[in-house]
Amino acid sequence: MGILSGAVNNTTNLEVVKEMRERCKILIALGDCAVFGGIMTMRNFFDMNEALRRAYIETESTVDGIIPSSEELCKPILTQPVNQSSDVRTAQGDNST
C-alpha cells in the first residue's frame, strides 16, 4: 500500500507516482493537492513559459532574475497541465482500482 500527497507538476513527481503505481497494490491519494491538484492547478490557466517568466523574472522582488535550467533540476511538465496524483493512473491506461 502507498500513500501519495501533492500534485504532479514536474518530471520528478511523475516518476515517483508511476513507480508507486507499479509497486503498490493499493495507492491512496491523500490531501487536496493529490486529489484535486491543489493551488498549483491555477497554473493551468496560463502558458508555462509565461508562468516561469512571472515567477523567476518579473516578480517585484527579483533583480536580474533567470529561469533555472540546470540538468540537476526536475523539469516542469510542459506538455500537460498540473495533474492530481489520482489522475496519473488513468492517464497511463491503468484501469485497476
N, C-alpha and C. Protein backbone atom coordinates (compact mmCIF):
# COMPACT_ATOMS: atom_id res chain seq x y z
N MET A 1 0.85 -1.17 0.00
CA MET A 1 0.00 0.00 0.00
C MET A 1 0.90 1.24 0.00
N GLY A 2 0.50 2.25 -0.76
CA GLY A 2 1.25 3.50 -0.82
C GLY A 2 0.33 4.68 -0.61
N ILE A 3 0.89 5.76 -0.09
CA ILE A 3 0.13 7.00 0.12
C ILE A 3 0.87 8.12 -0.60
N LEU A 4 0.16 8.80 -1.48
CA LEU A 4 0.71 9.93 -2.22
C LEU A 4 0.08 11.22 -1.73
N SER A 5 0.91 12.24 -1.63
CA SER A 5 0.38 13.57 -1.36
C SER A 5 1.07 14.53 -2.32
N GLY A 6 0.41 15.60 -2.64
CA GLY A 6 0.99 16.59 -3.54
C GLY A 6 0.56 16.40 -4.98
N ALA A 7 0.57 17.50 -5.72
CA ALA A 7 0.20 17.47 -7.14
C ALA A 7 1.37 16.96 -7.96
N VAL A 8 1.09 16.53 -9.17
CA VAL A 8 2.12 16.08 -10.11
C VAL A 8 2.36 17.23 -11.08
N ASN A 9 3.45 17.99 -10.82
CA ASN A 9 3.67 19.17 -11.66
C ASN A 9 5.07 19.24 -12.25
N ASN A 10 5.87 18.18 -12.06
CA ASN A 10 7.19 18.16 -12.69
C ASN A 10 7.59 16.71 -12.95
N THR A 11 8.68 16.55 -13.67
CA THR A 11 9.09 15.21 -14.10
C THR A 11 9.43 14.29 -12.92
N THR A 12 10.00 14.85 -11.86
CA THR A 12 10.32 14.04 -10.69
C THR A 12 9.05 13.50 -10.04
N ASN A 13 8.04 14.37 -9.87
CA ASN A 13 6.77 13.94 -9.29
C ASN A 13 6.15 12.83 -10.13
N LEU A 14 6.19 12.98 -11.44
CA LEU A 14 5.59 11.99 -12.34
C LEU A 14 6.31 10.64 -12.23
N GLU A 15 7.63 10.66 -12.15
CA GLU A 15 8.39 9.41 -12.00
C GLU A 15 8.02 8.70 -10.69
N VAL A 16 7.90 9.46 -9.61
CA VAL A 16 7.56 8.87 -8.31
C VAL A 16 6.18 8.24 -8.35
N VAL A 17 5.22 8.95 -8.93
CA VAL A 17 3.85 8.44 -8.98
C VAL A 17 3.78 7.17 -9.84
N LYS A 18 4.46 7.16 -10.98
CA LYS A 18 4.45 5.97 -11.84
C LYS A 18 5.09 4.77 -11.13
N GLU A 19 6.19 5.02 -10.44
CA GLU A 19 6.87 3.94 -9.72
C GLU A 19 5.99 3.40 -8.59
N MET A 20 5.34 4.30 -7.87
CA MET A 20 4.46 3.84 -6.79
C MET A 20 3.27 3.07 -7.35
N ARG A 21 2.74 3.52 -8.48
CA ARG A 21 1.60 2.82 -9.09
C ARG A 21 1.99 1.41 -9.48
N GLU A 22 3.21 1.24 -9.99
CA GLU A 22 3.69 -0.09 -10.38
C GLU A 22 3.92 -1.00 -9.18
N ARG A 23 4.39 -0.44 -8.08
CA ARG A 23 4.78 -1.24 -6.92
C ARG A 23 3.66 -1.49 -5.92
N CYS A 24 2.63 -0.67 -5.91
CA CYS A 24 1.61 -0.76 -4.87
C CYS A 24 0.33 -1.42 -5.38
N LYS A 25 -0.17 -2.34 -4.60
CA LYS A 25 -1.45 -2.95 -4.91
C LYS A 25 -2.58 -1.95 -4.63
N ILE A 26 -2.42 -1.19 -3.54
CA ILE A 26 -3.37 -0.14 -3.17
C ILE A 26 -2.60 1.16 -3.10
N LEU A 27 -3.09 2.20 -3.79
CA LEU A 27 -2.44 3.50 -3.77
C LEU A 27 -3.47 4.54 -3.36
N ILE A 28 -3.18 5.28 -2.31
CA ILE A 28 -4.11 6.26 -1.77
C ILE A 28 -3.58 7.66 -2.05
N ALA A 29 -4.41 8.51 -2.65
CA ALA A 29 -4.09 9.92 -2.84
C ALA A 29 -4.66 10.66 -1.64
N LEU A 30 -3.80 11.35 -0.88
CA LEU A 30 -4.20 11.98 0.36
C LEU A 30 -3.98 13.49 0.29
N GLY A 31 -5.03 14.23 0.53
CA GLY A 31 -4.92 15.69 0.56
C GLY A 31 -5.45 16.35 -0.70
N ASP A 32 -5.70 17.64 -0.58
CA ASP A 32 -6.29 18.42 -1.67
C ASP A 32 -5.43 18.39 -2.93
N CYS A 33 -4.12 18.55 -2.78
CA CYS A 33 -3.24 18.58 -3.96
C CYS A 33 -3.25 17.25 -4.70
N ALA A 34 -3.19 16.15 -3.96
CA ALA A 34 -3.17 14.83 -4.58
C ALA A 34 -4.51 14.49 -5.22
N VAL A 35 -5.58 14.89 -4.59
CA VAL A 35 -6.91 14.52 -5.09
C VAL A 35 -7.41 15.48 -6.16
N PHE A 36 -7.21 16.80 -5.95
CA PHE A 36 -7.77 17.79 -6.88
C PHE A 36 -6.73 18.64 -7.59
N GLY A 37 -5.47 18.49 -7.27
CA GLY A 37 -4.42 19.29 -7.91
C GLY A 37 -3.98 20.47 -7.08
N GLY A 38 -4.77 20.90 -6.11
CA GLY A 38 -4.41 21.99 -5.20
C GLY A 38 -4.22 23.33 -5.89
N ILE A 39 -3.58 24.23 -5.17
CA ILE A 39 -3.41 25.60 -5.66
C ILE A 39 -2.54 25.67 -6.91
N MET A 40 -1.68 24.66 -7.10
CA MET A 40 -0.82 24.67 -8.29
C MET A 40 -1.62 24.55 -9.58
N THR A 41 -2.85 24.07 -9.53
CA THR A 41 -3.65 23.97 -10.75
C THR A 41 -4.01 25.35 -11.30
N MET A 42 -3.82 26.40 -10.51
CA MET A 42 -4.05 27.75 -11.03
C MET A 42 -3.11 28.03 -12.21
N ARG A 43 -1.96 27.35 -12.22
CA ARG A 43 -1.01 27.49 -13.33
C ARG A 43 -1.62 27.02 -14.65
N ASN A 44 -2.62 26.14 -14.59
CA ASN A 44 -3.21 25.60 -15.80
C ASN A 44 -3.88 26.66 -16.68
N PHE A 45 -4.16 27.82 -16.11
CA PHE A 45 -4.82 28.88 -16.86
C PHE A 45 -3.84 29.76 -17.63
N PHE A 46 -2.56 29.47 -17.51
CA PHE A 46 -1.53 30.29 -18.14
C PHE A 46 -0.57 29.41 -18.94
N ASP A 47 0.08 30.02 -19.90
CA ASP A 47 1.14 29.36 -20.65
C ASP A 47 2.31 29.08 -19.70
N MET A 48 2.94 27.91 -19.80
CA MET A 48 4.03 27.53 -18.89
C MET A 48 5.16 28.55 -18.91
N ASN A 49 5.57 28.98 -20.10
CA ASN A 49 6.67 29.95 -20.19
C ASN A 49 6.29 31.27 -19.54
N GLU A 50 5.03 31.67 -19.67
CA GLU A 50 4.54 32.89 -19.03
C GLU A 50 4.61 32.74 -17.50
N ALA A 51 4.21 31.58 -16.98
CA ALA A 51 4.25 31.34 -15.53
C ALA A 51 5.68 31.35 -15.01
N LEU A 52 6.61 30.70 -15.73
CA LEU A 52 8.01 30.69 -15.31
C LEU A 52 8.62 32.09 -15.36
N ARG A 53 8.29 32.85 -16.40
CA ARG A 53 8.80 34.21 -16.53
C ARG A 53 8.32 35.08 -15.37
N ARG A 54 7.04 34.94 -15.03
CA ARG A 54 6.49 35.72 -13.92
C ARG A 54 7.14 35.30 -12.60
N ALA A 55 7.33 34.02 -12.39
CA ALA A 55 7.87 33.52 -11.12
C ALA A 55 9.34 33.86 -10.92
N TYR A 56 10.13 33.83 -11.98
CA TYR A 56 11.58 33.97 -11.83
C TYR A 56 12.16 35.29 -12.33
N ILE A 57 11.41 36.04 -13.16
CA ILE A 57 11.97 37.24 -13.75
C ILE A 57 11.18 38.50 -13.40
N GLU A 58 9.87 38.43 -13.46
CA GLU A 58 9.05 39.63 -13.36
C GLU A 58 8.49 39.94 -11.97
N THR A 59 8.86 39.18 -10.95
CA THR A 59 8.34 39.48 -9.61
C THR A 59 8.93 40.78 -9.11
N GLU A 60 8.20 41.44 -8.24
CA GLU A 60 8.60 42.74 -7.73
C GLU A 60 9.90 42.66 -6.94
N SER A 61 10.20 41.51 -6.35
CA SER A 61 11.39 41.37 -5.51
C SER A 61 12.60 40.78 -6.25
N THR A 62 12.46 40.50 -7.54
CA THR A 62 13.54 39.87 -8.30
C THR A 62 14.40 40.93 -9.00
N VAL A 63 15.72 40.77 -8.88
CA VAL A 63 16.66 41.64 -9.59
C VAL A 63 17.51 40.73 -10.46
N ASP A 64 17.54 41.01 -11.76
CA ASP A 64 18.33 40.21 -12.71
C ASP A 64 17.99 38.72 -12.63
N GLY A 65 16.72 38.39 -12.60
CA GLY A 65 16.29 37.00 -12.49
C GLY A 65 16.50 36.21 -13.76
N ILE A 66 16.68 34.91 -13.59
CA ILE A 66 16.77 33.99 -14.72
C ILE A 66 15.93 32.76 -14.39
N ILE A 67 15.44 32.10 -15.41
CA ILE A 67 14.70 30.86 -15.23
C ILE A 67 15.72 29.73 -15.11
N PRO A 68 15.72 28.97 -14.00
CA PRO A 68 16.70 27.89 -13.82
C PRO A 68 16.60 26.85 -14.93
N SER A 69 17.75 26.33 -15.36
CA SER A 69 17.73 25.32 -16.41
C SER A 69 18.77 24.23 -16.20
N SER A 70 19.23 24.03 -14.99
CA SER A 70 20.25 23.02 -14.71
C SER A 70 19.70 21.62 -14.96
N GLU A 71 20.55 20.72 -15.43
CA GLU A 71 20.16 19.33 -15.65
C GLU A 71 19.84 18.64 -14.33
N GLU A 72 20.35 19.16 -13.20
CA GLU A 72 20.10 18.56 -11.90
C GLU A 72 18.70 18.88 -11.37
N LEU A 73 18.05 19.87 -11.95
CA LEU A 73 16.70 20.24 -11.51
C LEU A 73 15.66 19.43 -12.27
N CYS A 74 14.58 19.10 -11.60
CA CYS A 74 13.48 18.45 -12.31
C CYS A 74 12.86 19.48 -13.24
N LYS A 75 12.21 19.00 -14.27
CA LYS A 75 11.63 19.89 -15.28
C LYS A 75 10.12 20.01 -15.07
N PRO A 76 9.59 21.24 -15.21
CA PRO A 76 8.13 21.36 -15.20
C PRO A 76 7.56 20.56 -16.37
N ILE A 77 6.39 20.03 -16.20
CA ILE A 77 5.74 19.29 -17.27
C ILE A 77 5.11 20.31 -18.21
N LEU A 78 5.70 20.46 -19.40
CA LEU A 78 5.27 21.49 -20.34
C LEU A 78 4.14 21.02 -21.25
N THR A 79 3.99 19.73 -21.42
CA THR A 79 3.02 19.23 -22.39
C THR A 79 1.64 18.97 -21.79
N GLN A 80 1.52 19.10 -20.49
CA GLN A 80 0.22 18.86 -19.87
C GLN A 80 0.09 19.73 -18.63
N PRO A 81 -1.11 20.02 -18.21
CA PRO A 81 -1.30 20.83 -17.02
C PRO A 81 -0.94 20.05 -15.75
N VAL A 82 -0.91 20.76 -14.63
CA VAL A 82 -0.72 20.11 -13.34
C VAL A 82 -1.79 19.04 -13.18
N ASN A 83 -1.39 17.87 -12.71
CA ASN A 83 -2.32 16.76 -12.52
C ASN A 83 -2.51 16.44 -11.06
N GLN A 84 -3.66 15.89 -10.76
CA GLN A 84 -3.83 15.28 -9.46
C GLN A 84 -3.12 13.94 -9.52
N SER A 85 -2.58 13.49 -8.39
CA SER A 85 -1.94 12.18 -8.35
C SER A 85 -2.92 11.10 -8.76
N SER A 86 -4.19 11.27 -8.43
CA SER A 86 -5.18 10.25 -8.74
C SER A 86 -5.43 10.12 -10.23
N ASP A 87 -5.09 11.14 -11.04
CA ASP A 87 -5.30 11.07 -12.48
C ASP A 87 -4.18 10.33 -13.21
N VAL A 88 -3.03 10.17 -12.60
CA VAL A 88 -1.91 9.54 -13.28
C VAL A 88 -2.25 8.10 -13.65
N ARG A 89 -2.97 7.40 -12.79
CA ARG A 89 -3.39 6.03 -13.07
C ARG A 89 -4.20 5.99 -14.37
N THR A 90 -5.16 6.88 -14.52
CA THR A 90 -6.00 6.92 -15.70
C THR A 90 -5.19 7.35 -16.94
N ALA A 91 -4.31 8.33 -16.75
CA ALA A 91 -3.52 8.84 -17.87
C ALA A 91 -2.59 7.77 -18.43
N GLN A 92 -2.20 6.81 -17.61
CA GLN A 92 -1.29 5.77 -18.07
C GLN A 92 -2.02 4.54 -18.58
N GLY A 93 -3.36 4.58 -18.61
CA GLY A 93 -4.13 3.47 -19.15
C GLY A 93 -4.33 2.33 -18.16
N ASP A 94 -4.04 2.54 -16.90
CA ASP A 94 -4.21 1.53 -15.86
C ASP A 94 -5.61 1.62 -15.32
N ASN A 95 -6.42 0.62 -15.53
CA ASN A 95 -7.81 0.66 -15.10
C ASN A 95 -8.06 -0.07 -13.78
N SER A 96 -6.98 -0.45 -13.09
CA SER A 96 -7.17 -1.14 -11.82
C SER A 96 -7.63 -0.16 -10.75
N THR A 97 -8.23 -0.69 -9.69
CA THR A 97 -8.69 0.17 -8.61
C THR A 97 -7.96 -0.10 -7.34
